[in-house]
Amino acid sequence: GKAIGWYRQRPGKQRELVAGLSRDDNINLLDSVKGRFTISRDNA
């Protein structure tokens, strides 16, 4: 039930959101990783 996310910081760059999962499990992906990355959670 929490908003979670994966961020990354590339060399010389600012930290950016790569994949987010909202409290109601809506997924938001960085354009450059769409079709390649996915985020999930295992509550158990």
PDB file of all heavy atoms in Angstrom:
ATOM      1  N   GLY A   1       0.775  -1.225   0.000  1.00  0.00           N
ATOM      2  CA  GLY A   1       0.000   0.000   0.000  1.00  0.00           C
ATOM      3  C   GLY A   1       0.810   1.280   0.000  1.00  0.00           C
ATOM      4  O   GLY A   1       0.253   2.362   0.181  1.00  0.00           O
ATOM      5  N   LYS A   2       2.105   1.181  -0.203  1.00  0.00           N
ATOM      6  CA  LYS A   2       2.970   2.361  -0.237  1.00  0.00           C
ATOM      7  C   LYS A   2       3.427   2.637  -1.674  1.00  0.00           C
ATOM      8  O   LYS A   2       3.512   1.722  -2.484  1.00  0.00           O
ATOM      9  CB  LYS A   2       4.221   2.155   0.630  1.00  0.00           C
ATOM     10  CG  LYS A   2       3.976   1.681   2.052  1.00  0.00           C
ATOM     11  CD  LYS A   2       3.329   2.693   2.910  1.00  0.00           C
ATOM     12  CE  LYS A   2       3.370   2.312   4.381  1.00  0.00           C
ATOM     13  NZ  LYS A   2       2.794   0.985   4.664  1.00  0.00           N
ATOM     14  N   ALA A   3       3.735   3.867  -1.952  1.00  0.00           N
ATOM     15  CA  ALA A   3       4.353   4.212  -3.228  1.00  0.00           C
ATOM     16  C   ALA A   3       5.828   3.856  -3.151  1.00  0.00           C
ATOM     17  O   ALA A   3       6.539   4.280  -2.222  1.00  0.00           O
ATOM     18  CB  ALA A   3       4.191   5.694  -3.525  1.00  0.00           C
ATOM     19  N   ILE A   4       6.289   3.063  -4.115  1.00  0.00           N
ATOM     20  CA  ILE A   4       7.675   2.620  -4.135  1.00  0.00           C
ATOM     21  C   ILE A   4       8.290   2.948  -5.480  1.00  0.00           C
ATOM     22  O   ILE A   4       7.584   3.207  -6.452  1.00  0.00           O
ATOM     23  CB  ILE A   4       7.793   1.102  -3.870  1.00  0.00           C
ATOM     24  CG1 ILE A   4       7.064   0.306  -4.942  1.00  0.00           C
ATOM     25  CG2 ILE A   4       7.278   0.757  -2.475  1.00  0.00           C
ATOM     26  CD1 ILE A   4       7.264  -1.205  -4.834  1.00  0.00           C
ATOM     27  N   GLY A   5       9.609   2.933  -5.516  1.00  0.00           N
ATOM     28  CA  GLY A   5      10.255   3.233  -6.782  1.00  0.00           C
ATOM     29  C   GLY A   5      11.700   2.814  -6.813  1.00  0.00           C
ATOM     30  O   GLY A   5      12.321   2.567  -5.767  1.00  0.00           O
ATOM     31  N   TRP A   6      12.205   2.691  -8.024  1.00  0.00           N
ATOM     32  CA  TRP A   6      13.627   2.470  -8.283  1.00  0.00           C
ATOM     33  C   TRP A   6      14.170   3.705  -8.995  1.00  0.00           C
ATOM     34  O   TRP A   6      13.584   4.161  -9.985  1.00  0.00           O
ATOM     35  CB  TRP A   6      13.842   1.244  -9.146  1.00  0.00           C
ATOM     36  CG  TRP A   6      13.644  -0.054  -8.432  1.00  0.00           C
ATOM     37  CD1 TRP A   6      12.506  -0.802  -8.379  1.00  0.00           C
ATOM     38  CD2 TRP A   6      14.623  -0.757  -7.652  1.00  0.00           C
ATOM     39  NE1 TRP A   6      12.706  -1.918  -7.613  1.00  0.00           N
ATOM     40  CE2 TRP A   6      14.007  -1.913  -7.163  1.00  0.00           C
ATOM     41  CE3 TRP A   6      15.963  -0.519  -7.328  1.00  0.00           C
ATOM     42  CZ2 TRP A   6      14.678  -2.839  -6.362  1.00  0.00           C
ATOM     43  CZ3 TRP A   6      16.628  -1.428  -6.531  1.00  0.00           C
ATOM     44  CH2 TRP A   6      15.991  -2.572  -6.062  1.00  0.00           C
ATOM     45  N   TYR A   7      15.257   4.205  -8.477  1.00  0.00           N
ATOM     46  CA  TYR A   7      15.938   5.348  -9.061  1.00  0.00           C
ATOM     47  C   TYR A   7      17.351   4.908  -9.464  1.00  0.00           C
ATOM     48  O   TYR A   7      17.849   3.890  -8.989  1.00  0.00           O
ATOM     49  CB  TYR A   7      16.058   6.489  -8.048  1.00  0.00           C
ATOM     50  CG  TYR A   7      14.763   7.168  -7.700  1.00  0.00           C
ATOM     51  CD1 TYR A   7      13.804   6.533  -6.924  1.00  0.00           C
ATOM     52  CD2 TYR A   7      14.499   8.466  -8.133  1.00  0.00           C
ATOM     53  CE1 TYR A   7      12.614   7.156  -6.597  1.00  0.00           C
ATOM     54  CE2 TYR A   7      13.312   9.111  -7.805  1.00  0.00           C
ATOM     55  CZ  TYR A   7      12.379   8.447  -7.033  1.00  0.00           C
ATOM     56  OH  TYR A   7      11.203   9.082  -6.716  1.00  0.00           O
ATOM     57  N   ARG A   8      17.963   5.707 -10.310  1.00  0.00           N
ATOM     58  CA  ARG A   8      19.365   5.439 -10.631  1.00  0.00           C
ATOM     59  C   ARG A   8      20.122   6.743 -10.746  1.00  0.00           C
ATOM     60  O   ARG A   8      19.540   7.793 -11.056  1.00  0.00           O
ATOM     61  CB  ARG A   8      19.497   4.637 -11.929  1.00  0.00           C
ATOM     62  CG  ARG A   8      19.123   5.381 -13.189  1.00  0.00           C
ATOM     63  CD  ARG A   8      19.196   4.459 -14.391  1.00  0.00           C
ATOM     64  NE  ARG A   8      18.848   5.152 -15.630  1.00  0.00           N
ATOM     65  CZ  ARG A   8      18.660   4.527 -16.791  1.00  0.00           C
ATOM     66  NH1 ARG A   8      18.777   3.194 -16.858  1.00  0.00           N
ATOM     67  NH2 ARG A   8      18.369   5.223 -17.863  1.00  0.00           N
ATOM     68  N   GLN A   9      21.402   6.637 -10.509  1.00  0.00           N
ATOM     69  CA  GLN A   9      22.276   7.783 -10.710  1.00  0.00           C
ATOM     70  C   GLN A   9      23.435   7.336 -11.587  1.00  0.00           C
ATOM     71  O   GLN A   9      24.283   6.533 -11.168  1.00  0.00           O
ATOM     72  CB  GLN A   9      22.783   8.337  -9.380  1.00  0.00           C
ATOM     73  CG  GLN A   9      23.536   9.648  -9.537  1.00  0.00           C
ATOM     74  CD  GLN A   9      23.578  10.459  -8.253  1.00  0.00           C
ATOM     75  OE1 GLN A   9      23.304   9.946  -7.170  1.00  0.00           O
ATOM     76  NE2 GLN A   9      23.914  11.742  -8.370  1.00  0.00           N
ATOM     77  N   ARG A  10      23.418   7.832 -12.808  1.00  0.00           N
ATOM     78  CA  ARG A  10      24.484   7.522 -13.748  1.00  0.00           C
ATOM     79  C   ARG A  10      25.644   8.468 -13.517  1.00  0.00           C
ATOM     80  O   ARG A  10      25.465   9.559 -12.974  1.00  0.00           O
ATOM     81  CB  ARG A  10      23.956   7.622 -15.177  1.00  0.00           C
ATOM     82  CG  ARG A  10      22.884   6.592 -15.479  1.00  0.00           C
ATOM     83  CD  ARG A  10      22.431   6.651 -16.916  1.00  0.00           C
ATOM     84  NE  ARG A  10      21.611   7.823 -17.179  1.00  0.00           N
ATOM     85  CZ  ARG A  10      21.182   8.166 -18.392  1.00  0.00           C
ATOM     86  NH1 ARG A  10      21.503   7.433 -19.437  1.00  0.00           N
ATOM     87  NH2 ARG A  10      20.437   9.231 -18.546  1.00  0.00           N
ATOM     88  N   PRO A  11      26.855   8.074 -13.906  1.00  0.00           N
ATOM     89  CA  PRO A  11      28.032   8.929 -13.684  1.00  0.00           C
ATOM     90  C   PRO A  11      27.835  10.325 -14.257  1.00  0.00           C
ATOM     91  O   PRO A  11      27.467  10.480 -15.425  1.00  0.00           O
ATOM     92  CB  PRO A  11      29.137   8.167 -14.424  1.00  0.00           C
ATOM     93  CG  PRO A  11      28.705   6.744 -14.404  1.00  0.00           C
ATOM     94  CD  PRO A  11      27.214   6.787 -14.527  1.00  0.00           C
ATOM     95  N   GLY A  12      28.018  11.318 -13.423  1.00  0.00           N
ATOM     96  CA  GLY A  12      27.912  12.706 -13.859  1.00  0.00           C
ATOM     97  C   GLY A  12      26.498  13.213 -14.050  1.00  0.00           C
ATOM     98  O   GLY A  12      26.295  14.328 -14.534  1.00  0.00           O
ATOM     99  N   LYS A  13      25.506  12.392 -13.665  1.00  0.00           N
ATOM    100  CA  LYS A  13      24.104  12.765 -13.876  1.00  0.00           C
ATOM    101  C   LYS A  13      23.374  12.855 -12.541  1.00  0.00           C
ATOM    102  O   LYS A  13      23.824  12.339 -11.521  1.00  0.00           O
ATOM    103  CB  LYS A  13      23.400  11.721 -14.758  1.00  0.00           C
ATOM    104  CG  LYS A  13      24.044  11.479 -16.101  1.00  0.00           C
ATOM    105  CD  LYS A  13      23.830  12.626 -17.046  1.00  0.00           C
ATOM    106  CE  LYS A  13      24.327  12.273 -18.444  1.00  0.00           C
ATOM    107  NZ  LYS A  13      24.106  13.395 -19.397  1.00  0.00           N
ATOM    108  N   GLN A  14      22.218  13.506 -12.576  1.00  0.00           N
ATOM    109  CA  GLN A  14      21.378  13.555 -11.389  1.00  0.00           C
ATOM    110  C   GLN A  14      20.613  12.246 -11.231  1.00  0.00           C
ATOM    111  O   GLN A  14      20.391  11.519 -12.208  1.00  0.00           O
ATOM    112  CB  GLN A  14      20.390  14.723 -11.504  1.00  0.00           C
ATOM    113  CG  GLN A  14      21.035  16.090 -11.348  1.00  0.00           C
ATOM    114  CD  GLN A  14      20.006  17.199 -11.254  1.00  0.00           C
ATOM    115  OE1 GLN A  14      18.917  17.098 -11.800  1.00  0.00           O
ATOM    116  NE2 GLN A  14      20.345  18.266 -10.558  1.00  0.00           N
ATOM    117  N   ARG A  15      20.210  11.971 -10.021  1.00  0.00           N
ATOM    118  CA  ARG A  15      19.400  10.788  -9.763  1.00  0.00           C
ATOM    119  C   ARG A  15      18.062  10.944 -10.489  1.00  0.00           C
ATOM    120  O   ARG A  15      17.451  12.012 -10.476  1.00  0.00           O
ATOM    121  CB  ARG A  15      19.179  10.621  -8.262  1.00  0.00           C
ATOM    122  CG  ARG A  15      18.635   9.282  -7.851  1.00  0.00           C
ATOM    123  CD  ARG A  15      18.609   9.120  -6.349  1.00  0.00           C
ATOM    124  NE  ARG A  15      19.933   9.137  -5.762  1.00  0.00           N
ATOM    125  CZ  ARG A  15      20.172   8.821  -4.486  1.00  0.00           C
ATOM    126  NH1 ARG A  15      19.171   8.479  -3.681  1.00  0.00           N
ATOM    127  NH2 ARG A  15      21.405   8.866  -4.016  1.00  0.00           N
ATOM    128  N   GLU A  16      17.602   9.863 -11.105  1.00  0.00           N
ATOM    129  CA  GLU A  16      16.346   9.898 -11.852  1.00  0.00           C
ATOM    130  C   GLU A  16      15.482   8.698 -11.510  1.00  0.00           C
ATOM    131  O   GLU A  16      15.991   7.619 -11.188  1.00  0.00           O
ATOM    132  CB  GLU A  16      16.623   9.907 -13.365  1.00  0.00           C
ATOM    133  CG  GLU A  16      17.357   8.694 -13.888  1.00  0.00           C
ATOM    134  CD  GLU A  16      17.704   8.784 -15.367  1.00  0.00           C
ATOM    135  OE1 GLU A  16      17.218   9.699 -16.058  1.00  0.00           O
ATOM    136  OE2 GLU A  16      18.467   7.918 -15.842  1.00  0.00           O
ATOM    137  N   LEU A  17      14.179   8.908 -11.614  1.00  0.00           N
ATOM    138  CA  LEU A  17      13.237   7.818 -11.384  1.00  0.00           C
ATOM    139  C   LEU A  17      13.216   6.905 -12.603  1.00  0.00           C
ATOM    140  O   LEU A  17      12.958   7.349 -13.710  1.00  0.00           O
ATOM    141  CB  LEU A  17      11.835   8.375 -11.130  1.00  0.00           C
ATOM    142  CG  LEU A  17      10.725   7.344 -10.962  1.00  0.00           C
ATOM    143  CD1 LEU A  17      10.946   6.492  -9.722  1.00  0.00           C
ATOM    144  CD2 LEU A  17       9.360   8.037 -10.898  1.00  0.00           C
ATOM    145  N   VAL A  18      13.464   5.645 -12.369  1.00  0.00           N
ATOM    146  CA  VAL A  18      13.449   4.652 -13.440  1.00  0.00           C
ATOM    147  C   VAL A  18      12.087   3.968 -13.519  1.00  0.00           C
ATOM    148  O   VAL A  18      11.512   3.811 -14.600  1.00  0.00           O
ATOM    149  CB  VAL A  18      14.542   3.590 -13.210  1.00  0.00           C
ATOM    150  CG1 VAL A  18      14.454   2.483 -14.247  1.00  0.00           C
ATOM    151  CG2 VAL A  18      15.921   4.244 -13.227  1.00  0.00           C
ATOM    152  N   ALA A  19      11.565   3.576 -12.380  1.00  0.00           N
ATOM    153  CA  ALA A  19      10.290   2.871 -12.338  1.00  0.00           C
ATOM    154  C   ALA A  19       9.620   3.152 -11.014  1.00  0.00           C
ATOM    155  O   ALA A  19      10.255   3.039  -9.966  1.00  0.00           O
ATOM    156  CB  ALA A  19      10.508   1.369 -12.512  1.00  0.00           C
ATOM    157  N   GLY A  20       8.346   3.493 -11.076  1.00  0.00           N
ATOM    158  CA  GLY A  20       7.578   3.760  -9.871  1.00  0.00           C
ATOM    159  C   GLY A  20       6.332   2.904  -9.846  1.00  0.00           C
ATOM    160  O   GLY A  20       5.766   2.580 -10.897  1.00  0.00           O
ATOM    161  N   LEU A  21       5.928   2.548  -8.648  1.00  0.00           N
ATOM    162  CA  LEU A  21       4.704   1.765  -8.454  1.00  0.00           C
ATOM    163  C   LEU A  21       3.892   2.492  -7.397  1.00  0.00           C
ATOM    164  O   LEU A  21       4.341   2.647  -6.257  1.00  0.00           O
ATOM    165  CB  LEU A  21       5.055   0.351  -7.992  1.00  0.00           C
ATOM    166  CG  LEU A  21       3.947  -0.690  -7.969  1.00  0.00           C
ATOM    167  CD1 LEU A  21       3.399  -0.924  -9.368  1.00  0.00           C
ATOM    168  CD2 LEU A  21       4.473  -1.994  -7.392  1.00  0.00           C
ATOM    169  N   SER A  22       2.704   2.975  -7.789  1.00  0.00           N
ATOM    170  CA  SER A  22       1.902   3.780  -6.872  1.00  0.00           C
ATOM    171  C   SER A  22       1.274   2.905  -5.794  1.00  0.00           C
ATOM    172  O   SER A  22       1.355   1.670  -5.832  1.00  0.00           O
ATOM    173  CB  SER A  22       0.820   4.523  -7.657  1.00  0.00           C
ATOM    174  OG  SER A  22      -0.148   3.606  -8.135  1.00  0.00           O
ATOM    175  N   ARG A  23       0.586   3.554  -4.869  1.00  0.00           N
ATOM    176  CA  ARG A  23      -0.049   2.826  -3.767  1.00  0.00           C
ATOM    177  C   ARG A  23      -1.082   1.834  -4.299  1.00  0.00           C
ATOM    178  O   ARG A  23      -1.309   0.792  -3.693  1.00  0.00           O
ATOM    179  CB  ARG A  23      -0.687   3.805  -2.805  1.00  0.00           C
ATOM    180  CG  ARG A  23       0.319   4.613  -1.995  1.00  0.00           C
ATOM    181  CD  ARG A  23      -0.367   5.570  -1.056  1.00  0.00           C
ATOM    182  NE  ARG A  23      -1.093   6.606  -1.775  1.00  0.00           N
ATOM    183  CZ  ARG A  23      -1.844   7.530  -1.200  1.00  0.00           C
ATOM    184  NH1 ARG A  23      -1.980   7.534   0.126  1.00  0.00           N
ATOM    185  NH2 ARG A  23      -2.456   8.448  -1.912  1.00  0.00           N
ATOM    186  N   ASP A  24      -1.697   2.182  -5.440  1.00  0.00           N
ATOM    187  CA  ASP A  24      -2.678   1.254  -6.005  1.00  0.00           C
ATOM    188  C   ASP A  24      -2.117   0.511  -7.214  1.00  0.00           C
ATOM    189  O   ASP A  24      -2.856   0.116  -8.121  1.00  0.00           O
ATOM    190  CB  ASP A  24      -3.975   1.984  -6.356  1.00  0.00           C
ATOM    191  CG  ASP A  24      -3.738   3.207  -7.227  1.00  0.00           C
ATOM    192  OD1 ASP A  24      -2.567   3.508  -7.521  1.00  0.00           O
ATOM    193  OD2 ASP A  24      -4.716   3.858  -7.614  1.00  0.00           O
ATOM    194  N   ASP A  25      -0.784   0.375  -7.242  1.00  0.00           N
ATOM    195  CA  ASP A  25      -0.073  -0.486  -8.194  1.00  0.00           C
ATOM    196  C   ASP A  25      -0.108  -0.006  -9.648  1.00  0.00           C
ATOM    197  O   ASP A  25       0.001  -0.825 -10.579  1.00  0.00           O
ATOM    198  CB  ASP A  25      -0.556  -1.936  -8.096  1.00  0.00           C
ATOM    199  CG  ASP A  25      -0.051  -2.614  -6.824  1.00  0.00           C
ATOM    200  OD1 ASP A  25       0.879  -2.072  -6.202  1.00  0.00           O
ATOM    201  OD2 ASP A  25      -0.594  -3.660  -6.453  1.00  0.00           O
ATOM    202  N   ASN A  26      -0.253   1.275  -9.850  1.00  0.00           N
ATOM    203  CA  ASN A  26      -0.050   1.815 -11.194  1.00  0.00           C
ATOM    204  C   ASN A  26       1.446   1.998 -11.422  1.00  0.00           C
ATOM    205  O   ASN A  26       2.164   2.502 -10.549  1.00  0.00           O
ATOM    206  CB  ASN A  26      -0.764   3.157 -11.359  1.00  0.00           C
ATOM    207  CG  ASN A  26      -2.263   2.981 -11.418  1.00  0.00           C
ATOM    208  OD1 ASN A  26      -2.769   2.112 -12.116  1.00  0.00           O
ATOM    209  ND2 ASN A  26      -2.987   3.802 -10.680  1.00  0.00           N
ATOM    210  N   ILE A  27       1.908   1.595 -12.603  1.00  0.00           N
ATOM    211  CA  ILE A  27       3.336   1.615 -12.929  1.00  0.00           C
ATOM    212  C   ILE A  27       3.673   2.828 -13.777  1.00  0.00           C
ATOM    213  O   ILE A  27       2.949   3.167 -14.714  1.00  0.00           O
ATOM    214  CB  ILE A  27       3.745   0.325 -13.667  1.00  0.00           C
ATOM    215  CG1 ILE A  27       3.583  -0.890 -12.748  1.00  0.00           C
ATOM    216  CG2 ILE A  27       5.187   0.426 -14.149  1.00  0.00           C
ATOM    217  CD1 ILE A  27       3.846  -2.219 -13.451  1.00  0.00           C
ATOM    218  N   ASN A  28       4.774   3.452 -13.445  1.00  0.00           N
ATOM    219  CA  ASN A  28       5.299   4.570 -14.213  1.00  0.00           C
ATOM    220  C   ASN A  28       6.746   4.258 -14.556  1.00  0.00           C
ATOM    221  O   ASN A  28       7.548   3.955 -13.669  1.00  0.00           O
ATOM    222  CB  ASN A  28       5.229   5.857 -13.375  1.00  0.00           C
ATOM    223  CG  ASN A  28       5.818   7.056 -14.089  1.00  0.00           C
ATOM    224  OD1 ASN A  28       5.645   7.204 -15.294  1.00  0.00           O
ATOM    225  ND2 ASN A  28       6.529   7.895 -13.362  1.00  0.00           N
ATOM    226  N   LEU A  29       7.082   4.288 -15.832  1.00  0.00           N
ATOM    227  CA  LEU A  29       8.429   3.944 -16.288  1.00  0.00           C
ATOM    228  C   LEU A  29       9.071   5.099 -17.043  1.00  0.00           C
ATOM    229  O   LEU A  29       8.414   5.791 -17.820  1.00  0.00           O
ATOM    230  CB  LEU A  29       8.392   2.723 -17.208  1.00  0.00           C
ATOM    231  CG  LEU A  29       7.963   1.396 -16.592  1.00  0.00           C
ATOM    232  CD1 LEU A  29       7.757   0.353 -17.680  1.00  0.00           C
ATOM    233  CD2 LEU A  29       9.003   0.914 -15.590  1.00  0.00           C
ATOM    234  N   LEU A  30      10.374   5.249 -16.835  1.00  0.00           N
ATOM    235  CA  LEU A  30      11.159   6.183 -17.631  1.00  0.00           C
ATOM    236  C   LEU A  30      11.064   5.763 -19.093  1.00  0.00           C
ATOM    237  O   LEU A  30      11.105   4.563 -19.399  1.00  0.00           O
ATOM    238  CB  LEU A  30      12.603   6.130 -17.152  1.00  0.00           C
ATOM    239  CG  LEU A  30      13.625   7.093 -17.735  1.00  0.00           C
ATOM    240  CD1 LEU A  30      13.313   8.516 -17.317  1.00  0.00           C
ATOM    241  CD2 LEU A  30      15.024   6.702 -17.279  1.00  0.00           C
ATOM    242  N   ASP A  31      10.922   6.719 -19.988  1.00  0.00           N
ATOM    243  CA  ASP A  31      10.723   6.388 -21.401  1.00  0.00           C
ATOM    244  C   ASP A  31      11.810   5.461 -21.935  1.00  0.00           C
ATOM    245  O   ASP A  31      11.525   4.524 -22.691  1.00  0.00           O
ATOM    246  CB  ASP A  31      10.682   7.664 -22.240  1.00  0.00           C
ATOM    247  CG  ASP A  31       9.344   8.382 -22.152  1.00  0.00           C
ATOM    248  OD1 ASP A  31       8.384   7.790 -21.607  1.00  0.00           O
ATOM    249  OD2 ASP A  31       9.264   9.535 -22.617  1.00  0.00           O
ATOM    250  N   SER A  32      13.040   5.694 -21.537  1.00  0.00           N
ATOM    251  CA  SER A  32      14.145   4.934 -22.113  1.00  0.00           C
ATOM    252  C   SER A  32      14.185   3.479 -21.644  1.00  0.00           C
ATOM    253  O   SER A  32      14.948   2.681 -22.196  1.00  0.00           O
ATOM    254  CB  SER A  32      15.478   5.614 -21.791  1.00  0.00           C
ATOM    255  OG  SER A  32      15.695   5.663 -20.395  1.00  0.00           O
ATOM    256  N   VAL A  33      13.393   3.123 -20.651  1.00  0.00           N
ATOM    257  CA  VAL A  33      13.393   1.739 -20.175  1.00  0.00           C
ATOM    258  C   VAL A  33      12.073   1.025 -20.464  1.00  0.00           C
ATOM    259  O   VAL A  33      11.931  -0.162 -20.141  1.00  0.00           O
ATOM    260  CB  VAL A  33      13.712   1.658 -18.659  1.00  0.00           C
ATOM    261  CG1 VAL A  33      14.996   2.404 -18.339  1.00  0.00           C
ATOM    262  CG2 VAL A  33      12.562   2.134 -17.799  1.00  0.00           C
ATOM    263  N   LYS A  34      11.128   1.720 -21.054  1.00  0.00           N
ATOM    264  CA  LYS A  34       9.844   1.083 -21.372  1.00  0.00           C
ATOM    265  C   LYS A  34      10.066  -0.084 -22.314  1.00  0.00           C
ATOM    266  O   LYS A  34      10.824   0.004 -23.286  1.00  0.00           O
ATOM    267  CB  LYS A  34       8.894   2.108 -21.995  1.00  0.00           C
ATOM    268  CG  LYS A  34       8.334   3.098 -20.991  1.00  0.00           C
ATOM    269  CD  LYS A  34       7.394   4.109 -21.638  1.00  0.00           C
ATOM    270  CE  LYS A  34       6.844   5.073 -20.593  1.00  0.00           C
ATOM    271  NZ  LYS A  34       5.992   6.125 -21.209  1.00  0.00           N
ATOM    272  N   GLY A  35       9.400  -1.193 -22.002  1.00  0.00           N
ATOM    273  CA  GLY A  35       9.558  -2.391 -22.804  1.00  0.00           C
ATOM    274  C   GLY A  35      10.739  -3.244 -22.386  1.00  0.00           C
ATOM    275  O   GLY A  35      10.906  -4.365 -22.887  1.00  0.00           O
ATOM    276  N   ARG A  36      11.576  -2.721 -21.485  1.00  0.00           N
ATOM    277  CA  ARG A  36      12.759  -3.474 -21.032  1.00  0.00           C
ATOM    278  C   ARG A  36      12.748  -3.732 -19.529  1.00  0.00           C
ATOM    279  O   ARG A  36      13.207  -4.784 -19.083  1.00  0.00           O
ATOM    280  CB  ARG A  36      14.037  -2.704 -21.403  1.00  0.00           C
ATOM    281  CG  ARG A  36      14.193  -2.441 -22.890  1.00  0.00           C
ATOM    282  CD  ARG A  36      15.574  -1.882 -23.220  1.00  0.00           C
ATOM    283  NE  ARG A  36      15.806  -0.582 -22.589  1.00  0.00           N
ATOM    284  CZ  ARG A  36      16.831  -0.333 -21.776  1.00  0.00           C
ATOM    285  NH1 ARG A  36      17.686  -1.285 -21.457  1.00  0.00           N
ATOM    286  NH2 ARG A  36      16.993   0.883 -21.253  1.00  0.00           N
ATOM    287  N   PHE A  37      12.282  -2.774 -18.751  1.00  0.00           N
ATOM    288  CA  PHE A  37      12.287  -2.893 -17.286  1.00  0.00           C
ATOM    289  C   PHE A  37      10.867  -3.021 -16.767  1.00  0.00           C
ATOM    290  O   PHE A  37       9.921  -2.492 -17.364  1.00  0.00           O
ATOM    291  CB  PHE A  37      12.894  -1.633 -16.649  1.00  0.00           C
ATOM    292  CG  PHE A  37      14.367  -1.430 -16.858  1.00  0.00           C
ATOM    293  CD1 PHE A  37      15.103  -2.148 -17.781  1.00  0.00           C
ATOM    294  CD2 PHE A  37      15.031  -0.460 -16.103  1.00  0.00           C
ATOM    295  CE1 PHE A  37      16.449  -1.933 -17.962  1.00  0.00           C
ATOM    296  CE2 PHE A  37      16.378  -0.232 -16.266  1.00  0.00           C
ATOM    297  CZ  PHE A  37      17.090  -0.971 -17.200  1.00  0.00           C
ATOM    298  N   THR A  38      10.730  -3.677 -15.632  1.00  0.00           N
ATOM    299  CA  THR A  38       9.451  -3.686 -14.951  1.00  0.00           C
ATOM    300  C   THR A  38       9.675  -3.715 -13.445  1.00  0.00           C
ATOM    301  O   THR A  38      10.670  -4.255 -12.968  1.00  0.00           O
ATOM    302  CB  THR A  38       8.578  -4.863 -15.403  1.00  0.00           C
ATOM    303  OG1 THR A  38       7.247  -4.702 -14.883  1.00  0.00           O
ATOM    304  CG2 THR A  38       9.134  -6.191 -14.915  1.00  0.00           C
ATOM    305  N   ILE A  39       8.750  -3.132 -12.724  1.00  0.00           N
ATOM    306  CA  ILE A  39       8.819  -3.048 -11.270  1.00  0.00           C
ATOM    307  C   ILE A  39       7.695  -3.884 -10.676  1.00  0.00           C
ATOM    308  O   ILE A  39       6.596  -3.966 -11.247  1.00  0.00           O
ATOM    309  CB  ILE A  39       8.723  -1.579 -10.804  1.00  0.00           C
ATOM    310  CG1 ILE A  39       8.863  -1.464  -9.279  1.00  0.00           C
ATOM    311  CG2 ILE A  39       7.432  -0.932 -11.280  1.00  0.00           C
ATOM    312  CD1 ILE A  39       8.938  -0.018  -8.774  1.00  0.00           C
ATOM    313  N   SER A  40       7.975  -4.504  -9.544  1.00  0.00           N
ATOM    314  CA  SER A  40       6.948  -5.277  -8.861  1.00  0.00           C
ATOM    315  C   SER A  40       7.252  -5.305  -7.369  1.00  0.00           C
ATOM    316  O   SER A  40       8.335  -4.907  -6.931  1.00  0.00           O
ATOM    317  CB  SER A  40       6.889  -6.696  -9.424  1.00  0.00           C
ATOM    318  OG  SER A  40       8.123  -7.367  -9.218  1.00  0.00           O
ATOM    319  N   ARG A  41       6.275  -5.770  -6.633  1.00  0.00           N
ATOM    320  CA  ARG A  41       6.494  -5.957  -5.204  1.00  0.00           C
ATOM    321  C   ARG A  41       5.872  -7.273  -4.771  1.00  0.00           C
ATOM    322  O   ARG A  41       4.893  -7.727  -5.360  1.00  0.00           O
ATOM    323  CB  ARG A  41       5.914  -4.797  -4.393  1.00  0.00           C
ATOM    324  CG  ARG A  41       4.403  -4.811  -4.220  1.00  0.00           C
ATOM    325  CD  ARG A  41       3.943  -3.701  -3.290  1.00  0.00           C
ATOM    326  NE  ARG A  41       3.281  -2.660  -4.048  1.00  0.00           N
ATOM    327  CZ  ARG A  41       3.205  -1.386  -3.677  1.00  0.00           C
ATOM    328  NH1 ARG A  41       3.790  -0.996  -2.550  1.00  0.00           N
ATOM    329  NH2 ARG A  41       2.576  -0.513  -4.410  1.00  0.00           N
ATOM    330  N   ASP A  42       6.463  -7.874  -3.759  1.00  0.00           N
ATOM    331  CA  ASP A  42       5.944  -9.104  -3.157  1.00  0.00           C
ATOM    332  C   ASP A  42       5.625  -8.756  -1.713  1.00  0.00           C
ATOM    333  O   ASP A  42       6.544  -8.611  -0.895  1.00  0.00           O
ATOM    334  CB  ASP A  42       6.984 -10.211  -3.257  1.00  0.00           C
ATOM    335  CG  ASP A  42       6.474 -11.549  -2.733  1.00  0.00           C
ATOM    336  OD1 ASP A  42       5.664 -11.554  -1.780  1.00  0.00           O
ATOM    337  OD2 ASP A  42       6.904 -12.579  -3.256  1.00  0.00           O
ATOM    338  N   ASN A  43       4.353  -8.612  -1.422  1.00  0.00           N
ATOM    339  CA  ASN A  43       3.972  -8.200  -0.072  1.00  0.00           C
ATOM    340  C   ASN A  43       4.315  -9.254   0.974  1.00  0.00           C
ATOM    341  O   ASN A  43       4.677  -8.922   2.106  1.00  0.00           O
ATOM    342  CB  ASN A  43       2.484  -7.864  -0.022  1.00  0.00           C
ATOM    343  CG  ASN A  43       2.143  -6.616  -0.809  1.00  0.00           C
ATOM    344  OD1 ASN A  43       2.959  -5.700  -0.924  1.00  0.00           O
ATOM    345  ND2 ASN A  43       0.950  -6.578  -1.381  1.00  0.00           N
ATOM    346  N   ALA A  44       4.219 -10.516   0.601  1.00  0.00           N
ATOM    347  CA  ALA A  44       4.529 -11.587   1.555  1.00  0.00           C
ATOM    348  C   ALA A  44       6.011 -11.548   1.953  1.00  0.00           C
ATOM    349  O   ALA A  44       6.354 -11.801   3.111  1.00  0.00           O
ATOM    350  CB  ALA A  44       4.163 -12.936   0.970  1.00  0.00           C
TER     351      ALA A  44
END
